Amino acid sequence: MPRGKRRPLRDYLIGVALIVLLGYLLFLVADIFRKEEIARETAKEAAREMVELDERYATLERNLDDLGTERGREASYRDQFGVARPGEEVIIVVTPSSEVPQSGLTWWRKLLGWFGL
């Protein structure tokens, strides 16, 4: 009889141990999924940065190509130092104003004018 009483207790202990082990394994799997999500977001961000760097690299290559010519160097000097060739003059382009001209009288002056004052 003593042997029969121990067996169910041992079965319960094994069941509890298996449940604890299952919980631990589920925790590990959830942690792996979390780390995978972080890695995926980091990879997306790195890809975006790579595209931006490729665009910047292409721009710098074009600038270097432009600076390799006499005309490109001259344009660079003009932009950076504001220089001009002898005999050149500055042309300032002014955009037309889109504001509606207002009359010189304010509303209260118009009101006083209506009364003859």
Protein backbone atom coordinates (compact mmCIF):
# COMPACT_ATOMS: atom_id res chain seq x y z
CA MET A 1 0.00 0.00 0.00
CA PRO A 2 2.66 2.58 0.72
CA ARG A 3 3.88 2.06 -2.78
CA GLY A 4 0.48 2.97 -4.26
CA LYS A 5 0.35 6.29 -2.42
CA ARG A 6 3.76 7.42 -3.74
CA ARG A 7 3.01 6.80 -7.36
CA PRO A 8 0.28 9.43 -7.77
CA LEU A 9 2.45 12.00 -5.95
CA ARG A 10 5.35 11.21 -8.31
CA ASP A 11 3.01 11.58 -11.29
CA TYR A 12 1.88 15.01 -10.03
CA LEU A 13 5.46 16.12 -9.54
CA ILE A 14 6.39 14.98 -13.06
CA GLY A 15 3.32 16.80 -14.42
CA VAL A 16 4.24 20.01 -12.59
CA ALA A 17 7.84 19.73 -13.82
CA LEU A 18 6.63 19.26 -17.39
CA ILE A 19 4.31 22.28 -17.11
CA VAL A 20 7.17 24.41 -15.75
CA LEU A 21 9.41 23.17 -18.58
CA LEU A 22 6.69 23.95 -21.13
CA GLY A 23 6.29 27.47 -19.69
CA TYR A 24 10.04 28.04 -19.87
CA LEU A 25 10.17 26.85 -23.48
CA LEU A 26 7.26 29.14 -24.41
CA PHE A 27 9.11 32.04 -22.79
CA LEU A 28 12.21 31.23 -24.86
CA VAL A 29 10.18 31.03 -28.08
CA ALA A 30 8.52 34.39 -27.34
CA ASP A 31 11.94 35.91 -26.71
CA ILE A 32 13.20 34.57 -30.05
CA PHE A 33 10.20 36.10 -31.84
CA ARG A 34 10.85 39.45 -30.15
CA LYS A 35 14.51 39.41 -31.16
CA GLU A 36 13.56 38.45 -34.72
CA GLU A 37 11.19 41.43 -34.92
CA ILE A 38 13.95 43.76 -33.69
CA ALA A 39 16.36 42.30 -36.26
CA ARG A 40 13.80 42.74 -39.05
CA GLU A 41 13.22 46.41 -38.14
CA THR A 42 16.96 47.02 -37.92
CA ALA A 43 17.45 45.46 -41.36
CA LYS A 44 14.71 47.70 -42.83
CA GLU A 45 16.33 50.78 -41.30
CA ALA A 46 19.74 49.74 -42.64
CA ALA A 47 18.23 49.29 -46.12
CA ARG A 48 16.70 52.79 -45.95
CA GLU A 49 20.04 54.24 -44.88
CA MET A 50 21.77 52.38 -47.71
CA VAL A 51 19.40 53.92 -50.27
CA GLU A 52 20.05 57.40 -48.83
CA LEU A 53 23.81 56.80 -48.89
CA ASP A 54 23.65 55.56 -52.49
CA GLU A 55 21.79 58.73 -53.50
CA ARG A 56 24.34 60.88 -51.67
CA TYR A 57 27.18 58.97 -53.29
CA ALA A 58 25.68 59.53 -56.75
CA THR A 59 25.33 63.26 -56.00
CA LEU A 60 28.93 63.49 -54.83
CA GLU A 61 30.10 61.63 -57.94
CA ARG A 62 28.23 64.13 -60.14
CA ASN A 63 29.76 67.02 -58.20
CA LEU A 64 33.24 65.55 -58.66
CA ASP A 65 32.61 65.10 -62.37
CA ASP A 66 31.45 68.72 -62.60
CA LEU A 67 34.52 69.96 -60.73
CA GLY A 68 36.69 68.08 -63.20
CA THR A 69 35.74 70.51 -65.96
CA GLU A 70 36.66 74.17 -66.33
CA ARG A 71 33.00 75.19 -66.50
CA GLY A 72 32.20 73.24 -63.31
CA ARG A 73 35.06 74.85 -61.40
CA GLU A 74 33.93 78.28 -62.58
CA ALA A 75 30.35 77.60 -61.45
CA SER A 76 31.63 76.43 -58.10
CA TYR A 77 33.71 79.59 -57.65
CA ARG A 78 30.74 81.75 -58.55
CA ASP A 79 28.46 79.96 -56.08
CA GLN A 80 30.88 79.81 -53.18
CA PHE A 81 32.66 83.15 -53.47
CA GLY A 82 30.19 85.30 -55.40
CA VAL A 83 32.72 86.31 -58.02
CA ALA A 84 32.08 87.42 -61.60
CA ARG A 85 34.14 87.89 -64.73
CA PRO A 86 35.31 91.38 -65.61
CA GLY A 87 32.51 93.31 -67.29
CA GLU A 88 29.68 91.13 -65.93
CA GLU A 89 26.89 92.78 -64.01
CA VAL A 90 24.46 91.49 -61.44
CA ILE A 91 20.90 90.82 -62.57
CA ILE A 92 18.24 90.63 -59.88
CA VAL A 93 14.99 88.93 -60.83
CA VAL A 94 12.03 90.15 -58.81
CA THR A 95 8.84 88.12 -58.79
CA PRO A 96 5.64 90.10 -59.26
CA SER A 97 3.65 90.78 -56.13
CA SER A 98 0.28 89.04 -55.91
CA GLU A 99 -1.10 91.34 -53.21
CA VAL A 100 -4.26 93.28 -53.98
CA PRO A 101 -3.68 97.04 -53.59
CA GLN A 102 -5.75 98.50 -50.79
CA SER A 103 -7.45 101.86 -50.89
CA GLY A 104 -5.96 104.56 -48.70
CA LEU A 105 -9.11 104.93 -46.59
CA THR A 106 -9.80 102.77 -43.59
CA TRP A 107 -13.32 101.61 -42.70
CA TRP A 108 -13.81 104.28 -40.06
CA ARG A 109 -12.67 107.04 -42.46
CA LYS A 110 -15.20 105.78 -44.99
CA LEU A 111 -17.88 105.83 -42.30
CA LEU A 112 -16.99 109.40 -41.34
CA GLY A 113 -17.01 110.35 -45.04
CA TRP A 114 -20.52 108.94 -45.37
CA PHE A 115 -21.65 111.32 -42.63
CA GLY A 116 -19.89 114.16 -44.41
CA LEU A 117 -17.14 114.63 -41.88
